PDB file of N, CA and C in Angstrom:
ATOM      1  N   MET A   1      14.105   2.926   8.788  1.00  0.00           N
ATOM      2  CA  MET A   1      13.721   1.320   7.619  1.00  0.00           C
ATOM      3  C   MET A   1      14.181   1.622   6.184  1.00  0.00           C
ATOM      4  N   LEU A   2      14.902   0.453   5.387  1.00  0.00           N
ATOM      5  CA  LEU A   2      15.741   0.779   4.680  1.00  0.00           C
ATOM      6  C   LEU A   2      14.721   0.370   3.294  1.00  0.00           C
ATOM      7  N   ALA A   3      15.079   1.236   2.519  1.00  0.00           N
ATOM      8  CA  ALA A   3      14.467   1.274   0.664  1.00  0.00           C
ATOM      9  C   ALA A   3      14.577  -0.586   0.501  1.00  0.00           C
ATOM     10  N   ARG A   4      13.605  -0.679  -0.272  1.00  0.00           N
ATOM     11  CA  ARG A   4      13.905  -1.919  -1.003  1.00  0.00           C
ATOM     12  C   ARG A   4      13.827  -1.994  -2.540  1.00  0.00           C
ATOM     13  N   PRO A   5      14.692  -2.650  -3.238  1.00  0.00           N
ATOM     14  CA  PRO A   5      14.210  -2.634  -5.107  1.00  0.00           C
ATOM     15  C   PRO A   5      12.984  -2.717  -5.147  1.00  0.00           C
ATOM     16  N   THR A   6      12.533  -1.629  -6.388  1.00  0.00           N
ATOM     17  CA  THR A   6      11.532  -1.552  -6.858  1.00  0.00           C
ATOM     18  C   THR A   6      11.566  -1.616  -8.634  1.00  0.00           C
ATOM     19  N   ASP A   7      12.850  -2.193  -8.830  1.00  0.00           N
ATOM     20  CA  ASP A   7      12.907  -2.724  -9.922  1.00  0.00           C
ATOM     21  C   ASP A   7      11.640  -3.661 -11.206  1.00  0.00           C
ATOM     22  N   GLY A   8      10.502  -3.052 -11.941  1.00  0.00           N
ATOM     23  CA  GLY A   8       9.910  -3.930 -12.226  1.00  0.00           C
ATOM     24  C   GLY A   8       8.608  -3.446 -11.677  1.00  0.00           C
ATOM     25  N   VAL A   9       8.578  -2.893 -10.924  1.00  0.00           N
ATOM     26  CA  VAL A   9       7.040  -2.018 -10.701  1.00  0.00           C
ATOM     27  C   VAL A   9       6.635  -0.915 -11.300  1.00  0.00           C
ATOM     28  N   THR A  10       5.783  -1.159 -12.744  1.00  0.00           N
ATOM     29  CA  THR A  10       5.288   0.160 -13.077  1.00  0.00           C
ATOM     30  C   THR A  10       3.866  -0.044 -13.426  1.00  0.00           C
ATOM     31  N   ASN A  11       3.436  -0.664 -12.692  1.00  0.00           N
ATOM     32  CA  ASN A  11       1.695  -0.741 -12.855  1.00  0.00           C
ATOM     33  C   ASN A  11       1.161  -1.046 -11.262  1.00  0.00           C
ATOM     34  N   TRP A  12      -0.078  -0.939 -11.158  1.00  0.00           N
ATOM     35  CA  TRP A  12      -0.530  -1.149 -10.009  1.00  0.00           C
ATOM     36  C   TRP A  12      -0.412  -2.941  -9.793  1.00  0.00           C
ATOM     37  N   MET A  13      -0.667  -4.183 -10.409  1.00  0.00           N
ATOM     38  CA  MET A  13      -0.428  -5.586 -10.222  1.00  0.00           C
ATOM     39  C   MET A  13       1.070  -5.696 -10.006  1.00  0.00           C
ATOM     40  N   THR A  14       1.964  -4.880 -10.584  1.00  0.00           N
ATOM     41  CA  THR A  14       3.556  -5.169 -10.040  1.00  0.00           C
ATOM     42  C   THR A  14       3.844  -5.003  -8.921  1.00  0.00           C
ATOM     43  N   MET A  15       3.110  -3.684  -8.424  1.00  0.00           N
ATOM     44  CA  MET A  15       3.186  -2.979  -7.442  1.00  0.00           C
ATOM     45  C   MET A  15       2.427  -3.904  -6.123  1.00  0.00           C
ATOM     46  N   PHE A  16       1.511  -4.680  -6.410  1.00  0.00           N
ATOM     47  CA  PHE A  16       0.253  -5.538  -5.533  1.00  0.00           C
ATOM     48  C   PHE A  16       1.498  -6.952  -5.589  1.00  0.00           C
ATOM     49  N   ARG A  17       1.909  -7.073  -6.525  1.00  0.00           N
ATOM     50  CA  ARG A  17       2.941  -8.482  -6.469  1.00  0.00           C
ATOM     51  C   ARG A  17       4.036  -8.146  -5.526  1.00  0.00           C
ATOM     52  N   TRP A  18       4.814  -6.838  -5.682  1.00  0.00           N
ATOM     53  CA  TRP A  18       5.934  -6.191  -4.588  1.00  0.00           C
ATOM     54  C   TRP A  18       5.596  -6.274  -3.172  1.00  0.00           C
ATOM     55  N   ILE A  19       4.012  -5.798  -3.097  1.00  0.00           N
ATOM     56  CA  ILE A  19       3.607  -5.698  -1.593  1.00  0.00           C
ATOM     57  C   ILE A  19       3.824  -7.121  -0.842  1.00  0.00           C
ATOM     58  N   VAL A  20       3.095  -7.810  -1.781  1.00  0.00           N
ATOM     59  CA  VAL A  20       2.642  -9.699  -1.354  1.00  0.00           C
ATOM     60  C   VAL A  20       4.027 -10.204  -1.146  1.00  0.00           C
ATOM     61  N   LYS A  21       4.880  -9.680  -1.627  1.00  0.00           N
ATOM     62  CA  LYS A  21       6.279 -10.819  -1.225  1.00  0.00           C
ATOM     63  C   LYS A  21       6.763  -9.780  -0.257  1.00  0.00           C
ATOM     64  N   THR A  22       6.699  -8.474   0.032  1.00  0.00           N
ATOM     65  CA  THR A  22       7.231  -7.844   1.223  1.00  0.00           C
ATOM     66  C   THR A  22       6.459  -8.684   2.449  1.00  0.00           C
ATOM     67  N   ILE A  23       5.425  -8.733   2.550  1.00  0.00           N
ATOM     68  CA  ILE A  23       4.427  -8.971   3.635  1.00  0.00           C
ATOM     69  C   ILE A  23       4.575 -10.723   3.991  1.00  0.00           C
ATOM     70  N   ARG A  24       4.629 -11.393   2.683  1.00  0.00           N
ATOM     71  CA  ARG A  24       5.424 -12.710   2.893  1.00  0.00           C
ATOM     72  C   ARG A  24       6.558 -12.958   3.595  1.00  0.00           C
ATOM     73  N   ASP A  25       7.704 -12.259   3.123  1.00  0.00           N
ATOM     74  CA  ASP A  25       8.817 -12.189   3.507  1.00  0.00           C
ATOM     75  C   ASP A  25       9.104 -11.921   4.739  1.00  0.00           C
ATOM     76  N   ASP A  26       8.577 -10.145   5.470  1.00  0.00           N
ATOM     77  CA  ASP A  26       8.578 -10.188   6.996  1.00  0.00           C
ATOM     78  C   ASP A  26       8.181 -10.683   7.434  1.00  0.00           C
ATOM     79  N   TYR A  27       6.301 -11.484   7.219  1.00  0.00           N
ATOM     80  CA  TYR A  27       5.935 -11.752   8.686  1.00  0.00           C
ATOM     81  C   TYR A  27       5.639 -13.158   8.194  1.00  0.00           C
ATOM     82  N   GLY A  28       6.054 -13.848   7.261  1.00  0.00           N
ATOM     83  CA  GLY A  28       6.055 -15.363   7.248  1.00  0.00           C
ATOM     84  C   GLY A  28       4.838 -15.743   6.594  1.00  0.00           C
ATOM     85  N   ILE A  29       3.965 -14.654   6.067  1.00  0.00           N
ATOM     86  CA  ILE A  29       2.433 -15.222   6.045  1.00  0.00           C
ATOM     87  C   ILE A  29       2.578 -16.167   4.492  1.00  0.00           C
ATOM     88  N   GLU A  30       1.986 -17.112   4.908  1.00  0.00           N
ATOM     89  CA  GLU A  30       1.571 -18.192   3.500  1.00  0.00           C
ATOM     90  C   GLU A  30       0.882 -17.212   2.382  1.00  0.00           C
ATOM     91  N   GLU A  31       1.857 -17.106   1.310  1.00  0.00           N
ATOM     92  CA  GLU A  31       1.472 -16.715  -0.121  1.00  0.00           C
ATOM     93  C   GLU A  31      -0.002 -16.796  -0.327  1.00  0.00           C
ATOM     94  N   THR A  32      -0.761 -18.025  -0.675  1.00  0.00           N
ATOM     95  CA  THR A  32      -1.944 -18.538  -0.797  1.00  0.00           C
ATOM     96  C   THR A  32      -2.908 -17.285   0.315  1.00  0.00           C
ATOM     97  N   ARG A  33      -2.557 -16.944   1.128  1.00  0.00           N
ATOM     98  CA  ARG A  33      -3.683 -16.131   1.880  1.00  0.00           C
ATOM     99  C   ARG A  33      -3.537 -14.583   1.901  1.00  0.00           C
ATOM    100  N   LEU A  34      -2.527 -14.284   0.903  1.00  0.00           N
ATOM    101  CA  LEU A  34      -2.266 -12.887   0.554  1.00  0.00           C
ATOM    102  C   LEU A  34      -3.126 -12.649  -0.479  1.00  0.00           C
ATOM    103  N   THR A  35      -4.246 -12.936  -0.939  1.00  0.00           N
ATOM    104  CA  THR A  35      -4.890 -12.378  -2.174  1.00  0.00           C
ATOM    105  C   THR A  35      -5.428 -10.632  -2.027  1.00  0.00           C
ATOM    106  N   ARG A  36      -6.247 -10.295  -2.919  1.00  0.00           N
ATOM    107  CA  ARG A  36      -6.776  -9.588  -3.271  1.00  0.00           C
ATOM    108  C   ARG A  36      -7.711  -8.994  -1.955  1.00  0.00           C
ATOM    109  N   SER A  37      -8.656  -9.694  -1.952  1.00  0.00           N
ATOM    110  CA  SER A  37      -9.835  -9.442  -0.774  1.00  0.00           C
ATOM    111  C   SER A  37      -9.105  -9.467   0.752  1.00  0.00           C
ATOM    112  N   ALA A  38      -8.051 -10.192   1.150  1.00  0.00           N
ATOM    113  CA  ALA A  38      -7.670 -10.472   2.458  1.00  0.00           C
ATOM    114  C   ALA A  38      -7.929  -9.196   3.120  1.00  0.00           C
ATOM    115  N   MET A  39      -8.286  -9.152   4.328  1.00  0.00           N
ATOM    116  CA  MET A  39      -8.092  -8.016   5.140  1.00  0.00           C
ATOM    117  C   MET A  39      -7.044  -8.074   6.071  1.00  0.00           C
ATOM    118  N   LEU A  40      -6.323  -7.118   6.168  1.00  0.00           N
ATOM    119  CA  LEU A  40      -5.112  -6.649   6.475  1.00  0.00           C
ATOM    120  C   LEU A  40      -4.875  -7.071   7.862  1.00  0.00           C
ATOM    121  N   GLU A  41      -5.600  -6.846   8.642  1.00  0.00           N
ATOM    122  CA  GLU A  41      -5.862  -7.344  10.209  1.00  0.00           C
ATOM    123  C   GLU A  41      -6.354  -8.759  10.284  1.00  0.00           C
ATOM    124  N   THR A  42      -7.252  -8.947  10.227  1.00  0.00           N
ATOM    125  CA  THR A  42      -8.380 -10.130  10.474  1.00  0.00           C
ATOM    126  C   THR A  42      -7.686 -11.205   9.469  1.00  0.00           C
ATOM    127  N   ASP A  43      -8.036 -10.739   8.417  1.00  0.00           N
ATOM    128  CA  ASP A  43      -7.442 -12.688   7.332  1.00  0.00           C
ATOM    129  C   ASP A  43      -6.191 -12.479   7.656  1.00  0.00           C
ATOM    130  N   LEU A  44      -5.287 -11.259   7.479  1.00  0.00           N
ATOM    131  CA  LEU A  44      -3.867 -12.085   7.037  1.00  0.00           C
ATOM    132  C   LEU A  44      -3.072 -12.116   8.655  1.00  0.00           C
ATOM    133  N   GLY A  45      -3.447 -11.463   9.885  1.00  0.00           N
ATOM    134  CA  GLY A  45      -3.514 -11.443  11.281  1.00  0.00           C
ATOM    135  C   GLY A  45      -2.549 -10.567  11.453  1.00  0.00           C
ATOM    136  N   LEU A  46      -2.018  -9.436  10.618  1.00  0.00           N
ATOM    137  CA  LEU A  46      -0.970  -8.284  11.284  1.00  0.00           C
ATOM    138  C   LEU A  46      -1.808  -7.333  12.045  1.00  0.00           C
ATOM    139  N   SER A  47      -0.493  -7.340  12.944  1.00  0.00           N
ATOM    140  CA  SER A  47      -1.167  -6.229  13.960  1.00  0.00           C
ATOM    141  C   SER A  47      -1.121  -4.545  13.370  1.00  0.00           C
ATOM    142  N   ILE A  48      -1.523  -3.889  14.209  1.00  0.00           N
ATOM    143  CA  ILE A  48      -1.396  -2.417  13.226  1.00  0.00           C
ATOM    144  C   ILE A  48      -0.082  -1.930  13.522  1.00  0.00           C
ATOM    145  N   GLU A  49       0.933  -2.437  14.552  1.00  0.00           N
ATOM    146  CA  GLU A  49       2.076  -2.151  14.408  1.00  0.00           C
ATOM    147  C   GLU A  49       3.269  -2.704  12.975  1.00  0.00           C
ATOM    148  N   GLN A  50       2.586  -4.513  12.703  1.00  0.00           N
ATOM    149  CA  GLN A  50       3.047  -4.591  11.274  1.00  0.00           C
ATOM    150  C   GLN A  50       2.341  -3.771   9.917  1.00  0.00           C
ATOM    151  N   VAL A  51       0.915  -3.152  10.191  1.00  0.00           N
ATOM    152  CA  VAL A  51       0.710  -2.781   9.130  1.00  0.00           C
ATOM    153  C   VAL A  51       1.592  -1.429   8.770  1.00  0.00           C
ATOM    154  N   GLU A  52       1.639  -0.829   9.767  1.00  0.00           N
ATOM    155  CA  GLU A  52       2.348   0.577   9.754  1.00  0.00           C
ATOM    156  C   GLU A  52       3.500   0.449   9.644  1.00  0.00           C
ATOM    157  N   GLU A  53       4.252  -0.872   9.597  1.00  0.00           N
ATOM    158  CA  GLU A  53       5.836  -1.048   9.249  1.00  0.00           C
ATOM    159  C   GLU A  53       5.634  -1.207   7.842  1.00  0.00           C
ATOM    160  N   THR A  54       5.033  -1.752   7.299  1.00  0.00           N
ATOM    161  CA  THR A  54       4.290  -2.172   6.043  1.00  0.00           C
ATOM    162  C   THR A  54       4.512  -0.845   5.172  1.00  0.00           C
ATOM    163  N   LEU A  55       3.781  -0.005   5.828  1.00  0.00           N
ATOM    164  CA  LEU A  55       3.640   1.301   5.011  1.00  0.00           C
ATOM    165  C   LEU A  55       4.841   1.858   5.024  1.00  0.00           C
ATOM    166  N   GLU A  56       5.652   1.876   5.825  1.00  0.00           N
ATOM    167  CA  GLU A  56       6.782   2.666   5.570  1.00  0.00           C
ATOM    168  C   GLU A  56       7.466   1.983   5.304  1.00  0.00           C
ATOM    169  N   VAL A  57       7.917   0.670   4.756  1.00  0.00           N
ATOM    170  CA  VAL A  57       8.649   0.554   4.435  1.00  0.00           C
ATOM    171  C   VAL A  57       8.164   0.160   1.999  1.00  0.00           C
ATOM    172  N   ILE A  58       6.956   0.749   2.443  1.00  0.00           N
ATOM    173  CA  ILE A  58       6.775   0.842   0.883  1.00  0.00           C
ATOM    174  C   ILE A  58       6.557   2.282   0.467  1.00  0.00           C
ATOM    175  N   ALA A  59       6.574   2.858   1.454  1.00  0.00           N
ATOM    176  CA  ALA A  59       6.687   4.930   1.655  1.00  0.00           C
ATOM    177  C   ALA A  59       8.617   5.197   1.180  1.00  0.00           C
ATOM    178  N   THR A  60       8.822   4.182   2.034  1.00  0.00           N
ATOM    179  CA  THR A  60      10.650   4.716   1.894  1.00  0.00           C
ATOM    180  C   THR A  60      11.159   4.119   0.601  1.00  0.00           C
ATOM    181  N   SER A  61      10.440   2.704   0.277  1.00  0.00           N
ATOM    182  CA  SER A  61      11.100   2.045  -1.086  1.00  0.00           C
ATOM    183  C   SER A  61      10.581   2.994  -2.092  1.00  0.00           C
ATOM    184  N   PHE A  62       9.469   3.531  -2.323  1.00  0.00           N
ATOM    185  CA  PHE A  62       8.830   4.154  -3.459  1.00  0.00           C
ATOM    186  C   PHE A  62       8.395   5.481  -3.449  1.00  0.00           C
ATOM    187  N   ALA A  63       9.369   6.445  -2.286  1.00  0.00           N
ATOM    188  CA  ALA A  63       9.181   7.303  -2.231  1.00  0.00           C
ATOM    189  C   ALA A  63       7.661   8.396  -1.909  1.00  0.00           C
ATOM    190  N   VAL A  64       7.050   7.938  -1.498  1.00  0.00           N
ATOM    191  CA  VAL A  64       5.301   8.238  -1.466  1.00  0.00           C
ATOM    192  C   VAL A  64       5.215   8.708   0.292  1.00  0.00           C
ATOM    193  N   ARG A  65       4.374   9.600   0.493  1.00  0.00           N
ATOM    194  CA  ARG A  65       4.420   9.406   2.003  1.00  0.00           C
ATOM    195  C   ARG A  65       2.432   9.098   2.045  1.00  0.00           C
ATOM    196  N   PHE A  66       2.268   8.868   3.214  1.00  0.00           N
ATOM    197  CA  PHE A  66       0.853   7.743   3.593  1.00  0.00           C
ATOM    198  C   PHE A  66       0.625   9.242   5.016  1.00  0.00           C
ATOM    199  N   PRO A  67      -0.571   9.850   4.695  1.00  0.00           N
ATOM    200  CA  PRO A  67      -1.414  11.010   4.909  1.00  0.00           C
ATOM    201  C   PRO A  67      -1.734  10.449   6.480  1.00  0.00           C
ATOM    202  N   PRO A  68      -1.956  11.173   7.473  1.00  0.00           N
ATOM    203  CA  PRO A  68      -2.547  10.800   8.495  1.00  0.00           C
ATOM    204  C   PRO A  68      -4.092  10.355   8.203  1.00  0.00           C
ATOM    205  N   GLY A  69      -4.648   8.802   9.113  1.00  0.00           N
ATOM    206  CA  GLY A  69      -5.940   8.452   8.623  1.00  0.00           C
ATOM    207  C   GLY A  69      -5.637   7.377   7.425  1.00  0.00           C
ATOM    208  N   THR A  70      -4.509   6.941   7.403  1.00  0.00           N
ATOM    209  CA  THR A  70      -4.495   5.915   6.217  1.00  0.00           C
ATOM    210  C   THR A  70      -4.922   4.650   6.796  1.00  0.00           C
ATOM    211  N   LEU A  71      -5.077   4.054   7.449  1.00  0.00           N
ATOM    212  CA  LEU A  71      -5.551   2.721   8.146  1.00  0.00           C
ATOM    213  C   LEU A  71      -7.125   3.230   8.405  1.00  0.00           C
ATOM    214  N   ASP A  72      -7.898   4.344   8.420  1.00  0.00           N
ATOM    215  CA  ASP A  72      -8.872   4.411   8.329  1.00  0.00           C
ATOM    216  C   ASP A  72      -9.717   4.091   6.868  1.00  0.00           C
ATOM    217  N   GLU A  73      -8.530   4.141   5.641  1.00  0.00           N
ATOM    218  CA  GLU A  73      -9.182   4.426   4.387  1.00  0.00           C
ATOM    219  C   GLU A  73      -8.688   3.197   3.779  1.00  0.00           C
ATOM    220  N   VAL A  74      -8.121   2.232   4.567  1.00  0.00           N
ATOM    221  CA  VAL A  74      -7.031   1.204   3.671  1.00  0.00           C
ATOM    222  C   VAL A  74      -7.632  -0.371   4.619  1.00  0.00           C
ATOM    223  N   LEU A  75      -8.287  -1.053   4.368  1.00  0.00           N
ATOM    224  CA  LEU A  75      -8.463  -2.429   5.209  1.00  0.00           C
ATOM    225  C   LEU A  75      -8.076  -4.033   4.102  1.00  0.00           C
ATOM    226  N   ARG A  76      -8.074  -3.787   2.811  1.00  0.00           N
ATOM    227  CA  ARG A  76      -7.667  -4.807   2.316  1.00  0.00           C
ATOM    228  C   ARG A  76      -6.350  -4.762   1.429  1.00  0.00           C
ATOM    229  N   LEU A  77      -6.007  -5.761   1.348  1.00  0.00           N
ATOM    230  CA  LEU A  77      -4.373  -6.206   0.633  1.00  0.00           C
ATOM    231  C   LEU A  77      -4.434  -5.270  -0.327  1.00  0.00           C
ATOM    232  N   GLU A  78      -5.764  -5.603  -1.476  1.00  0.00           N
ATOM    233  CA  GLU A  78      -5.809  -4.509  -2.870  1.00  0.00           C
ATOM    234  C   GLU A  78      -5.869  -3.268  -2.732  1.00  0.00           C
ATOM    235  N   GLU A  79      -6.685  -2.888  -1.642  1.00  0.00           N
ATOM    236  CA  GLU A  79      -6.775  -1.075  -1.260  1.00  0.00           C
ATOM    237  C   GLU A  79      -5.422  -0.515  -0.636  1.00  0.00           C
ATOM    238  N   LEU A  80      -4.755  -1.229  -0.307  1.00  0.00           N
ATOM    239  CA  LEU A  80      -3.490  -0.826   0.064  1.00  0.00           C
ATOM    240  C   LEU A  80      -2.553  -0.509  -1.153  1.00  0.00           C
ATOM    241  N   CYS A  81      -2.401  -1.639  -1.932  1.00  0.00           N
ATOM    242  CA  CYS A  81      -1.772  -1.397  -3.135  1.00  0.00           C
ATOM    243  C   CYS A  81      -2.264  -0.661  -3.946  1.00  0.00           C
ATOM    244  N   MET A  82      -3.706  -0.683  -4.295  1.00  0.00           N
ATOM    245  CA  MET A  82      -3.945   0.644  -5.382  1.00  0.00           C
ATOM    246  C   MET A  82      -3.996   1.682  -4.704  1.00  0.00           C
ATOM    247  N   LEU A  83      -3.868   2.165  -3.418  1.00  0.00           N
ATOM    248  CA  LEU A  83      -3.308   3.449  -3.030  1.00  0.00           C
ATOM    249  C   LEU A  83      -2.027   3.835  -2.833  1.00  0.00           C
ATOM    250  N   ALA A  84      -0.924   2.833  -2.834  1.00  0.00           N
ATOM    251  CA  ALA A  84       0.274   3.106  -2.960  1.00  0.00           C
ATOM    252  C   ALA A  84       0.692   3.261  -4.299  1.00  0.00           C
ATOM    253  N   SER A  85      -0.247   2.413  -5.420  1.00  0.00           N
ATOM    254  CA  SER A  85      -0.042   3.117  -6.874  1.00  0.00           C
ATOM    255  C   SER A  85      -0.470   4.069  -7.479  1.00  0.00           C
ATOM    256  N   TRP A  86      -1.758   4.582  -6.898  1.00  0.00           N
ATOM    257  CA  TRP A  86      -1.679   5.553  -7.156  1.00  0.00           C
ATOM    258  C   TRP A  86      -0.742   7.398  -6.409  1.00  0.00           C
ATOM    259  N   MET A  87      -0.605   7.129  -5.602  1.00  0.00           N
ATOM    260  CA  MET A  87       0.140   8.055  -4.915  1.00  0.00           C
ATOM    261  C   MET A  87       1.736   8.152  -5.539  1.00  0.00           C
ATOM    262  N   LYS A  88       1.902   6.904  -6.112  1.00  0.00           N
ATOM    263  CA  LYS A  88       3.281   6.787  -6.970  1.00  0.00           C
ATOM    264  C   LYS A  88       3.060   7.149  -8.267  1.00  0.00           C
ATOM    265  N   GLY A  89       1.760   7.602  -8.752  1.00  0.00           N
ATOM    266  CA  GLY A  89       1.586   8.086 -10.192  1.00  0.00           C
ATOM    267  C   GLY A  89       1.225   6.809 -11.133  1.00  0.00           C
ATOM    268  N   LEU A  90       1.065   5.505 -10.667  1.00  0.00           N
ATOM    269  CA  LEU A  90       0.859   4.431 -11.579  1.00  0.00           C
ATOM    270  C   LEU A  90      -0.427   3.811 -11.441  1.00  0.00           C
ATOM    271  N   TYR A  91      -1.321   4.578 -10.777  1.00  0.00           N
ATOM    272  CA  TYR A  91      -2.934   4.123 -11.226  1.00  0.00           C
ATOM    273  C   TYR A  91      -3.481   5.397 -11.098  1.00  0.00           C
ATOM    274  N   LYS A  92      -5.109   5.018 -11.168  1.00  0.00           N
ATOM    275  CA  LYS A  92      -6.096   5.825 -11.318  1.00  0.00           C
ATOM    276  C   LYS A  92      -6.274   6.186  -9.412  1.00  0.00           C
ATOM    277  N   ARG A  93      -7.169   7.260  -9.099  1.00  0.00           N
ATOM    278  CA  ARG A  93      -7.718   7.596  -8.123  1.00  0.00           C
ATOM    279  C   ARG A  93      -8.608   6.280  -7.411  1.00  0.00           C
ATOM    280  N   PRO A  94      -7.665   5.692  -6.534  1.00  0.00           N
ATOM    281  CA  PRO A  94      -8.818   4.353  -6.311  1.00  0.00           C
ATOM    282  C   PRO A  94     -10.260   5.150  -5.527  1.00  0.00           C
ATOM    283  N   PRO A  95     -11.444   4.403  -6.040  1.00  0.00           N
ATOM    284  CA  PRO A  95     -12.899   4.739  -5.725  1.00  0.00           C
ATOM    285  C   PRO A  95     -13.384   4.740  -4.119  1.00  0.00           C
ATOM    286  N   PHE A  96     -12.346   4.190  -3.430  1.00  0.00           N
ATOM    287  CA  PHE A  96     -12.980   3.632  -1.744  1.00  0.00           C
ATOM    288  C   PHE A  96     -12.771   5.059  -0.552  1.00  0.00           C
ATOM    289  N   ILE A  97     -11.288   5.736  -1.443  1.00  0.00           N
ATOM    290  CA  ILE A  97     -10.977   6.847  -0.382  1.00  0.00           C
ATOM    291  C   ILE A  97     -11.672   7.708  -0.764  1.00  0.00           C
ATOM    292  N   SER A  98     -11.775   8.512   0.593  1.00  0.00           N
ATOM    293  CA  SER A  98     -12.117   9.620   0.618  1.00  0.00           C
ATOM    294  C   SER A  98     -12.171  10.914   0.312  1.00  0.00           C
ATOM    295  N   ASP A  99     -12.699  12.212   0.072  1.00  0.00           N
ATOM    296  CA  ASP A  99     -12.513  12.901  -0.874  1.00  0.00           C
ATOM    297  C   ASP A  99     -11.522  14.126   0.154  1.00  0.00           C
ATOM    298  N   ALA A 100     -11.479  13.775   1.309  1.00  0.00           N
ATOM    299  CA  ALA A 100     -10.874  14.689   2.266  1.00  0.00           C
ATOM    300  C   ALA A 100      -9.506  14.015   2.122  1.00  0.00           C
ATOM    301  N   PHE A 101      -9.352  12.773   2.231  1.00  0.00           N
ATOM    302  CA  PHE A 101      -8.326  11.893   2.154  1.00  0.00           C
ATOM    303  C   PHE A 101      -7.278  11.792   0.924  1.00  0.00           C
ATOM    304  N   ALA A 102      -8.242  11.655   0.076  1.00  0.00           N
ATOM    305  CA  ALA A 102      -7.258  12.317  -1.485  1.00  0.00           C
ATOM    306  C   ALA A 102      -6.623  13.283  -1.516  1.00  0.00           C
ATOM    307  N   ASP A 103      -7.459  14.495  -1.070  1.00  0.00           N
ATOM    308  CA  ASP A 103      -6.516  15.973  -1.214  1.00  0.00           C
ATOM    309  C   ASP A 103      -5.423  15.772   0.013  1.00  0.00           C
ATOM    310  N   ALA A 104      -5.403  15.239   0.995  1.00  0.00           N
ATOM    311  CA  ALA A 104      -4.348  14.834   2.207  1.00  0.00           C
ATOM    312  C   ALA A 104      -3.202  14.635   1.427  1.00  0.00           C
ATOM    313  N   ALA A 105      -3.559  13.361   0.571  1.00  0.00           N
ATOM    314  CA  ALA A 105      -2.471  12.480   0.005  1.00  0.00           C
ATOM    315  C   ALA A 105      -2.050  13.382  -1.141  1.00  0.00           C
ATOM    316  N   ARG A 106      -2.746  13.723  -1.867  1.00  0.00           N
ATOM    317  CA  ARG A 106      -2.216  14.752  -3.322  1.00  0.00           C
ATOM    318  C   ARG A 106      -1.119  15.701  -2.529  1.00  0.00           C
ATOM    319  N   GLN A 107      -1.458  16.156  -1.561  1.00  0.00           N
ATOM    320  CA  GLN A 107      -0.651  17.479  -0.874  1.00  0.00           C
ATOM    321  C   GLN A 107       0.663  16.823  -0.611  1.00  0.00           C
ATOM    322  N   VAL A 108       1.069  15.815  -0.266  1.00  0.00           N
ATOM    323  CA  VAL A 108       2.408  14.934  -0.242  1.00  0.00           C
ATOM    324  C   VAL A 108       2.659  14.098  -1.131  1.00  0.00           C
ATOM    325  N   ASN A 109       1.932  13.597  -2.040  1.00  0.00           N
ATOM    326  CA  ASN A 109       2.385  12.958  -3.249  1.00  0.00           C
ATOM    327  C   ASN A 109       1.986  13.819  -4.452  1.00  0.00           C
ATOM    328  N   PRO A 110       2.858  14.378  -5.227  1.00  0.00           N
ATOM    329  CA  PRO A 110       2.644  15.271  -6.335  1.00  0.00           C
ATOM    330  C   PRO A 110       2.005  14.491  -7.751  1.00  0.00           C
ATOM    331  N   ALA A 111       2.627  13.087  -7.630  1.00  0.00           N
ATOM    332  CA  ALA A 111       2.309  12.223  -8.525  1.00  0.00           C
ATOM    333  C   ALA A 111       1.046  11.953  -8.331  1.00  0.00           C
ATOM    334  N   ALA A 112       0.425  11.868  -7.681  1.00  0.00           N
ATOM    335  CA  ALA A 112      -1.012  11.507  -7.479  1.00  0.00           C
ATOM    336  C   ALA A 112      -2.034  12.393  -8.260  1.00  0.00           C
ATOM    337  N   ALA A 113      -2.689  11.493  -9.098  1.00  0.00           N
ATOM    338  CA  ALA A 113      -3.872  12.268  -9.939  1.00  0.00           C
ATOM    339  C   ALA A 113      -5.063  11.966 -10.167  1.00  0.00           C
ATOM    340  N   ASP A 114      -6.053  12.386 -10.620  1.00  0.00           N
ATOM    341  CA  ASP A 114      -7.043  11.292 -10.864  1.00  0.00           C
ATOM    342  C   ASP A 114      -7.268  10.753 -12.340  1.00  0.00           C
TER     343      ASP A 114
END
């Protein structure tokens, strides 16, 4: 998977916008449906494979690694954005992730802090 430009992504809100554009462009989902509270699978209609592909695009583009169990921790578009931002060092630890998952994410993403 090729990395995509990340110029201008400096906080979790710009990361959210970047992820919205990625999903919109890759899967043709109308931008009006790509809201913070949208459930990745049920509201947006993304398959598990499409969510995994999106994680891969984010990981490649931002040089982060999603640990095993990510899809157990992330259900909404906003959660995906907050998690990716935290792992990149652009946001505080999201309150919805478990301690065990946070430890695993920190192991593979040194920029992730509390």
